[in-house]
Amino acid sequence: PADTRERVRRHGALLLAMTRVFHAGIAGEI
């Protein structure tokens, strides 16, 4: 968990951007 929290802190902006782009592209298909 400590490693995961650090990875979230380090890559937070990318995680957020990727997730929003993915959701916008696939929600309708789901």
ModelCIF file with pLDDT and N, C-alpha, C, O atoms, coordinates in Angstrom:
data_MODEL
#
_entry.id   MODEL 
#
_entity.id                         1 
_entity.type                       polymer 
_entity.pdbx_number_of_molecules   1 
#
_entity_poly.entity_id                      1 
_entity_poly.type                           'polypeptide(L)' 
_entity_poly.nstd_linkage                   no 
_entity_poly.nstd_monomer                   no 
_entity_poly.pdbx_seq_one_letter_code       PADTRERVRRHGALLLAMTRVFHAGIAGEI 
_entity_poly.pdbx_seq_one_letter_code_can   PADTRERVRRHGALLLAMTRVFHAGIAGEI 
_entity_poly.pdbx_strand_id                 A 
#
loop_
_entity_poly_seq.entity_id 
_entity_poly_seq.num 
_entity_poly_seq.mon_id 
_entity_poly_seq.hetero 
1 1  PRO n 
1 2  ALA n 
1 3  ASP n 
1 4  THR n 
1 5  ARG n 
1 6  GLU n 
1 7  ARG n 
1 8  VAL n 
1 9  ARG n 
1 10 ARG n 
1 11 HIS n 
1 12 GLY n 
1 13 ALA n 
1 14 LEU n 
1 15 LEU n 
1 16 LEU n 
1 17 ALA n 
1 18 MET n 
1 19 THR n 
1 20 ARG n 
1 21 VAL n 
1 22 PHE n 
1 23 HIS n 
1 24 ALA n 
1 25 GLY n 
1 26 ILE n 
1 27 ALA n 
1 28 GLY n 
1 29 GLU n 
1 30 ILE n 
#
_struct_asym.id          A 
_struct_asym.entity_id   1 
#
loop_
_ma_qa_metric.id 
_ma_qa_metric.mode 
_ma_qa_metric.name 
_ma_qa_metric.software_group_id 
_ma_qa_metric.type 
1 global pLDDT . pLDDT 
2 local  pLDDT . pLDDT 
#
_ma_qa_metric_global.metric_id      1 
_ma_qa_metric_global.metric_value   90.57 
_ma_qa_metric_global.model_id       1 
_ma_qa_metric_global.ordinal_id     1 
#
loop_
_ma_qa_metric_local.label_asym_id 
_ma_qa_metric_local.label_comp_id 
_ma_qa_metric_local.label_seq_id 
_ma_qa_metric_local.metric_id 
_ma_qa_metric_local.metric_value 
_ma_qa_metric_local.model_id 
_ma_qa_metric_local.ordinal_id 
A PRO 1  2 95.00 1 1  
A ALA 2  2 95.00 1 2  
A ASP 3  2 97.00 1 3  
A THR 4  2 96.00 1 4  
A ARG 5  2 94.00 1 5  
A GLU 6  2 95.00 1 6  
A ARG 7  2 95.00 1 7  
A VAL 8  2 95.00 1 8  
A ARG 9  2 93.00 1 9  
A ARG 10 2 93.00 1 10 
A HIS 11 2 94.00 1 11 
A GLY 12 2 92.00 1 12 
A ALA 13 2 92.00 1 13 
A LEU 14 2 93.00 1 14 
A LEU 15 2 94.00 1 15 
A LEU 16 2 93.00 1 16 
A ALA 17 2 93.00 1 17 
A MET 18 2 94.00 1 18 
A THR 19 2 94.00 1 19 
A ARG 20 2 91.00 1 20 
A VAL 21 2 91.00 1 21 
A PHE 22 2 92.00 1 22 
A HIS 23 2 89.00 1 23 
A ALA 24 2 84.00 1 24 
A GLY 25 2 84.00 1 25 
A ILE 26 2 85.00 1 26 
A ALA 27 2 79.00 1 27 
A GLY 28 2 78.00 1 28 
A GLU 29 2 80.00 1 29 
A ILE 30 2 77.00 1 30 
#
loop_
_atom_site.group_PDB 
_atom_site.id 
_atom_site.type_symbol 
_atom_site.label_atom_id 
_atom_site.label_alt_id 
_atom_site.label_comp_id 
_atom_site.label_asym_id 
_atom_site.label_entity_id 
_atom_site.label_seq_id 
_atom_site.pdbx_PDB_ins_code 
_atom_site.Cartn_x 
_atom_site.Cartn_y 
_atom_site.Cartn_z 
_atom_site.occupancy 
_atom_site.B_iso_or_equiv 
_atom_site.pdbx_formal_charge 
_atom_site.auth_seq_id 
_atom_site.auth_comp_id 
_atom_site.auth_asym_id 
_atom_site.auth_atom_id 
_atom_site.pdbx_PDB_model_num 
ATOM 1   N N  . PRO A 1 1  ? 0.792   -1.227 0.000   1.00 95.00 ? 1  PRO A N  1 
ATOM 2   C CA . PRO A 1 1  ? 0.000   0.000  0.000   1.00 95.00 ? 1  PRO A CA 1 
ATOM 3   C C  . PRO A 1 1  ? 0.828   1.282  0.000   1.00 95.00 ? 1  PRO A C  1 
ATOM 4   O O  . PRO A 1 1  ? 0.459   2.254  -0.660  1.00 95.00 ? 1  PRO A O  1 
ATOM 5   N N  . ALA A 1 2  ? 1.936   1.296  0.728   1.00 95.00 ? 2  ALA A N  1 
ATOM 6   C CA . ALA A 1 2  ? 2.777   2.494  0.748   1.00 95.00 ? 2  ALA A CA 1 
ATOM 7   C C  . ALA A 1 2  ? 3.351   2.763  -0.644  1.00 95.00 ? 2  ALA A C  1 
ATOM 8   O O  . ALA A 1 2  ? 3.418   3.914  -1.075  1.00 95.00 ? 2  ALA A O  1 
ATOM 9   N N  . ASP A 1 3  ? 3.760   1.712  -1.343  1.00 97.00 ? 3  ASP A N  1 
ATOM 10  C CA . ASP A 1 3  ? 4.277   1.851  -2.711  1.00 97.00 ? 3  ASP A CA 1 
ATOM 11  C C  . ASP A 1 3  ? 3.174   2.340  -3.641  1.00 97.00 ? 3  ASP A C  1 
ATOM 12  O O  . ASP A 1 3  ? 3.405   3.190  -4.502  1.00 97.00 ? 3  ASP A O  1 
ATOM 13  N N  . THR A 1 4  ? 1.966   1.792  -3.458  1.00 96.00 ? 4  THR A N  1 
ATOM 14  C CA . THR A 1 4  ? 0.837   2.205  -4.295  1.00 96.00 ? 4  THR A CA 1 
ATOM 15  C C  . THR A 1 4  ? 0.506   3.676  -4.092  1.00 96.00 ? 4  THR A C  1 
ATOM 16  O O  . THR A 1 4  ? 0.252   4.390  -5.062  1.00 96.00 ? 4  THR A O  1 
ATOM 17  N N  . ARG A 1 5  ? 0.505   4.137  -2.852  1.00 94.00 ? 5  ARG A N  1 
ATOM 18  C CA . ARG A 1 5  ? 0.227   5.549  -2.587  1.00 94.00 ? 5  ARG A CA 1 
ATOM 19  C C  . ARG A 1 5  ? 1.259   6.452  -3.251  1.00 94.00 ? 5  ARG A C  1 
ATOM 20  O O  . ARG A 1 5  ? 0.915   7.513  -3.772  1.00 94.00 ? 5  ARG A O  1 
ATOM 21  N N  . GLU A 1 6  ? 2.506   6.041  -3.235  1.00 95.00 ? 6  GLU A N  1 
ATOM 22  C CA . GLU A 1 6  ? 3.550   6.829  -3.872  1.00 95.00 ? 6  GLU A CA 1 
ATOM 23  C C  . GLU A 1 6  ? 3.353   6.863  -5.383  1.00 95.00 ? 6  GLU A C  1 
ATOM 24  O O  . GLU A 1 6  ? 3.575   7.896  -6.015  1.00 95.00 ? 6  GLU A O  1 
ATOM 25  N N  . ARG A 1 7  ? 2.940   5.746  -5.963  1.00 95.00 ? 7  ARG A N  1 
ATOM 26  C CA . ARG A 1 7  ? 2.700   5.704  -7.411  1.00 95.00 ? 7  ARG A CA 1 
ATOM 27  C C  . ARG A 1 7  ? 1.499   6.566  -7.792  1.00 95.00 ? 7  ARG A C  1 
ATOM 28  O O  . ARG A 1 7  ? 1.500   7.199  -8.848  1.00 95.00 ? 7  ARG A O  1 
ATOM 29  N N  . VAL A 1 8  ? 0.484   6.594  -6.946  1.00 95.00 ? 8  VAL A N  1 
ATOM 30  C CA . VAL A 1 8  ? -0.663  7.473  -7.188  1.00 95.00 ? 8  VAL A CA 1 
ATOM 31  C C  . VAL A 1 8  ? -0.214  8.927  -7.151  1.00 95.00 ? 8  VAL A C  1 
ATOM 32  O O  . VAL A 1 8  ? -0.617  9.728  -7.994  1.00 95.00 ? 8  VAL A O  1 
ATOM 33  N N  . ARG A 1 9  ? 0.622   9.267  -6.170  1.00 93.00 ? 9  ARG A N  1 
ATOM 34  C CA . ARG A 1 9  ? 1.113   10.645 -6.067  1.00 93.00 ? 9  ARG A CA 1 
ATOM 35  C C  . ARG A 1 9  ? 1.944   11.018 -7.289  1.00 93.00 ? 9  ARG A C  1 
ATOM 36  O O  . ARG A 1 9  ? 1.830   12.128 -7.807  1.00 93.00 ? 9  ARG A O  1 
ATOM 37  N N  . ARG A 1 10 ? 2.777   10.091 -7.747  1.00 93.00 ? 10 ARG A N  1 
ATOM 38  C CA . ARG A 1 10 ? 3.693   10.375 -8.845  1.00 93.00 ? 10 ARG A CA 1 
ATOM 39  C C  . ARG A 1 10 ? 2.971   10.457 -10.194 1.00 93.00 ? 10 ARG A C  1 
ATOM 40  O O  . ARG A 1 10 ? 3.311   11.281 -11.042 1.00 93.00 ? 10 ARG A O  1 
ATOM 41  N N  . HIS A 1 11 ? 1.974   9.594  -10.378 1.00 94.00 ? 11 HIS A N  1 
ATOM 42  C CA . HIS A 1 11 ? 1.314   9.493  -11.687 1.00 94.00 ? 11 HIS A CA 1 
ATOM 43  C C  . HIS A 1 11 ? -0.128  9.990  -11.650 1.00 94.00 ? 11 HIS A C  1 
ATOM 44  O O  . HIS A 1 11 ? -0.917  9.688  -12.546 1.00 94.00 ? 11 HIS A O  1 
ATOM 45  N N  . GLY A 1 12 ? -0.472  10.755 -10.610 1.00 92.00 ? 12 GLY A N  1 
ATOM 46  C CA . GLY A 1 12 ? -1.869  11.135 -10.416 1.00 92.00 ? 12 GLY A CA 1 
ATOM 47  C C  . GLY A 1 12 ? -2.524  11.801 -11.612 1.00 92.00 ? 12 GLY A C  1 
ATOM 48  O O  . GLY A 1 12 ? -3.633  11.428 -11.994 1.00 92.00 ? 12 GLY A O  1 
ATOM 49  N N  . ALA A 1 13 ? -1.858  12.782 -12.211 1.00 92.00 ? 13 ALA A N  1 
ATOM 50  C CA . ALA A 1 13 ? -2.457  13.506 -13.339 1.00 92.00 ? 13 ALA A CA 1 
ATOM 51  C C  . ALA A 1 13 ? -2.698  12.577 -14.515 1.00 92.00 ? 13 ALA A C  1 
ATOM 52  O O  . ALA A 1 13 ? -3.725  12.676 -15.186 1.00 92.00 ? 13 ALA A O  1 
ATOM 53  N N  . LEU A 1 14 ? -1.763  11.680 -14.769 1.00 93.00 ? 14 LEU A N  1 
ATOM 54  C CA . LEU A 1 14 ? -1.914  10.742 -15.879 1.00 93.00 ? 14 LEU A CA 1 
ATOM 55  C C  . LEU A 1 14 ? -3.063  9.771  -15.605 1.00 93.00 ? 14 LEU A C  1 
ATOM 56  O O  . LEU A 1 14 ? -3.853  9.481  -16.504 1.00 93.00 ? 14 LEU A O  1 
ATOM 57  N N  . LEU A 1 15 ? -3.164  9.267  -14.376 1.00 94.00 ? 15 LEU A N  1 
ATOM 58  C CA . LEU A 1 15 ? -4.254  8.354  -14.034 1.00 94.00 ? 15 LEU A CA 1 
ATOM 59  C C  . LEU A 1 15 ? -5.603  9.014  -14.279 1.00 94.00 ? 15 LEU A C  1 
ATOM 60  O O  . LEU A 1 15 ? -6.513  8.401  -14.836 1.00 94.00 ? 15 LEU A O  1 
ATOM 61  N N  . LEU A 1 16 ? -5.724  10.270 -13.857 1.00 93.00 ? 16 LEU A N  1 
ATOM 62  C CA . LEU A 1 16 ? -6.977  10.992 -13.999 1.00 93.00 ? 16 LEU A CA 1 
ATOM 63  C C  . LEU A 1 16 ? -7.300  11.230 -15.475 1.00 93.00 ? 16 LEU A C  1 
ATOM 64  O O  . LEU A 1 16 ? -8.433  11.014 -15.906 1.00 93.00 ? 16 LEU A O  1 
ATOM 65  N N  . ALA A 1 17 ? -6.307  11.673 -16.246 1.00 93.00 ? 17 ALA A N  1 
ATOM 66  C CA . ALA A 1 17 ? -6.532  11.946 -17.665 1.00 93.00 ? 17 ALA A CA 1 
ATOM 67  C C  . ALA A 1 17 ? -6.887  10.675 -18.422 1.00 93.00 ? 17 ALA A C  1 
ATOM 68  O O  . ALA A 1 17 ? -7.825  10.667 -19.219 1.00 93.00 ? 17 ALA A O  1 
ATOM 69  N N  . MET A 1 18 ? -6.148  9.606  -18.180 1.00 94.00 ? 18 MET A N  1 
ATOM 70  C CA . MET A 1 18 ? -6.413  8.337  -18.858 1.00 94.00 ? 18 MET A CA 1 
ATOM 71  C C  . MET A 1 18 ? -7.815  7.829  -18.552 1.00 94.00 ? 18 MET A C  1 
ATOM 72  O O  . MET A 1 18 ? -8.528  7.384  -19.451 1.00 94.00 ? 18 MET A O  1 
ATOM 73  N N  . THR A 1 19 ? -8.208  7.896  -17.286 1.00 94.00 ? 19 THR A N  1 
ATOM 74  C CA . THR A 1 19 ? -9.503  7.356  -16.877 1.00 94.00 ? 19 THR A CA 1 
ATOM 75  C C  . THR A 1 19 ? -10.642 8.129  -17.507 1.00 94.00 ? 19 THR A C  1 
ATOM 76  O O  . THR A 1 19 ? -11.624 7.533  -17.949 1.00 94.00 ? 19 THR A O  1 
ATOM 77  N N  . ARG A 1 20 ? -10.529 9.439  -17.555 1.00 91.00 ? 20 ARG A N  1 
ATOM 78  C CA . ARG A 1 20 ? -11.603 10.247 -18.135 1.00 91.00 ? 20 ARG A CA 1 
ATOM 79  C C  . ARG A 1 20 ? -11.713 10.044 -19.644 1.00 91.00 ? 20 ARG A C  1 
ATOM 80  O O  . ARG A 1 20 ? -12.816 9.977  -20.186 1.00 91.00 ? 20 ARG A O  1 
ATOM 81  N N  . VAL A 1 21 ? -10.572 9.945  -20.319 1.00 91.00 ? 21 VAL A N  1 
ATOM 82  C CA . VAL A 1 21 ? -10.595 9.691  -21.759 1.00 91.00 ? 21 VAL A CA 1 
ATOM 83  C C  . VAL A 1 21 ? -11.166 8.312  -22.049 1.00 91.00 ? 21 VAL A C  1 
ATOM 84  O O  . VAL A 1 21 ? -11.979 8.149  -22.959 1.00 91.00 ? 21 VAL A O  1 
ATOM 85  N N  . PHE A 1 22 ? -10.738 7.313  -21.268 1.00 92.00 ? 22 PHE A N  1 
ATOM 86  C CA . PHE A 1 22 ? -11.244 5.951  -21.443 1.00 92.00 ? 22 PHE A CA 1 
ATOM 87  C C  . PHE A 1 22 ? -12.752 5.901  -21.233 1.00 92.00 ? 22 PHE A C  1 
ATOM 88  O O  . PHE A 1 22 ? -13.472 5.311  -22.038 1.00 92.00 ? 22 PHE A O  1 
ATOM 89  N N  . HIS A 1 23 ? -13.231 6.515  -20.161 1.00 89.00 ? 23 HIS A N  1 
ATOM 90  C CA . HIS A 1 23 ? -14.664 6.504  -19.838 1.00 89.00 ? 23 HIS A CA 1 
ATOM 91  C C  . HIS A 1 23 ? -15.482 7.148  -20.953 1.00 89.00 ? 23 HIS A C  1 
ATOM 92  O O  . HIS A 1 23 ? -16.523 6.625  -21.349 1.00 89.00 ? 23 HIS A O  1 
ATOM 93  N N  . ALA A 1 24 ? -15.005 8.285  -21.456 1.00 84.00 ? 24 ALA A N  1 
ATOM 94  C CA . ALA A 1 24 ? -15.726 8.977  -22.521 1.00 84.00 ? 24 ALA A CA 1 
ATOM 95  C C  . ALA A 1 24 ? -15.812 8.127  -23.781 1.00 84.00 ? 24 ALA A C  1 
ATOM 96  O O  . ALA A 1 24 ? -16.792 8.203  -24.522 1.00 84.00 ? 24 ALA A O  1 
ATOM 97  N N  . GLY A 1 25 ? -14.779 7.312  -24.024 1.00 84.00 ? 25 GLY A N  1 
ATOM 98  C CA . GLY A 1 25 ? -14.732 6.527  -25.246 1.00 84.00 ? 25 GLY A CA 1 
ATOM 99  C C  . GLY A 1 25 ? -15.466 5.214  -25.195 1.00 84.00 ? 25 GLY A C  1 
ATOM 100 O O  . GLY A 1 25 ? -15.808 4.661  -26.241 1.00 84.00 ? 25 GLY A O  1 
ATOM 101 N N  . ILE A 1 26 ? -15.722 4.690  -23.995 1.00 85.00 ? 26 ILE A N  1 
ATOM 102 C CA . ILE A 1 26 ? -16.244 3.321  -23.928 1.00 85.00 ? 26 ILE A CA 1 
ATOM 103 C C  . ILE A 1 26 ? -17.591 3.190  -23.229 1.00 85.00 ? 26 ILE A C  1 
ATOM 104 O O  . ILE A 1 26 ? -18.234 2.147  -23.349 1.00 85.00 ? 26 ILE A O  1 
ATOM 105 N N  . ALA A 1 27 ? -18.039 4.211  -22.504 1.00 79.00 ? 27 ALA A N  1 
ATOM 106 C CA . ALA A 1 27 ? -19.263 4.079  -21.712 1.00 79.00 ? 27 ALA A CA 1 
ATOM 107 C C  . ALA A 1 27 ? -20.470 3.713  -22.566 1.00 79.00 ? 27 ALA A C  1 
ATOM 108 O O  . ALA A 1 27 ? -21.265 2.855  -22.183 1.00 79.00 ? 27 ALA A O  1 
ATOM 109 N N  . GLY A 1 28 ? -20.612 4.361  -23.723 1.00 78.00 ? 28 GLY A N  1 
ATOM 110 C CA . GLY A 1 28 ? -21.737 4.061  -24.590 1.00 78.00 ? 28 GLY A CA 1 
ATOM 111 C C  . GLY A 1 28 ? -21.732 2.628  -25.072 1.00 78.00 ? 28 GLY A C  1 
ATOM 112 O O  . GLY A 1 28 ? -22.781 1.986  -25.131 1.00 78.00 ? 28 GLY A O  1 
ATOM 113 N N  . GLU A 1 29 ? -20.556 2.117  -25.418 1.00 80.00 ? 29 GLU A N  1 
ATOM 114 C CA . GLU A 1 29 ? -20.440 0.731  -25.878 1.00 80.00 ? 29 GLU A CA 1 
ATOM 115 C C  . GLU A 1 29 ? -20.810 -0.242 -24.758 1.00 80.00 ? 29 GLU A C  1 
ATOM 116 O O  . GLU A 1 29 ? -21.460 -1.258 -25.004 1.00 80.00 ? 29 GLU A O  1 
ATOM 117 N N  . ILE A 1 30 ? -20.400 0.069  -23.539 1.00 77.00 ? 30 ILE A N  1 
ATOM 118 C CA . ILE A 1 30 ? -20.755 -0.784 -22.401 1.00 77.00 ? 30 ILE A CA 1 
ATOM 119 C C  . ILE A 1 30 ? -22.264 -0.837 -22.225 1.00 77.00 ? 30 ILE A C  1 
ATOM 120 O O  . ILE A 1 30 ? -22.757 -1.506 -21.317 1.00 77.00 ? 30 ILE A O  1 
#
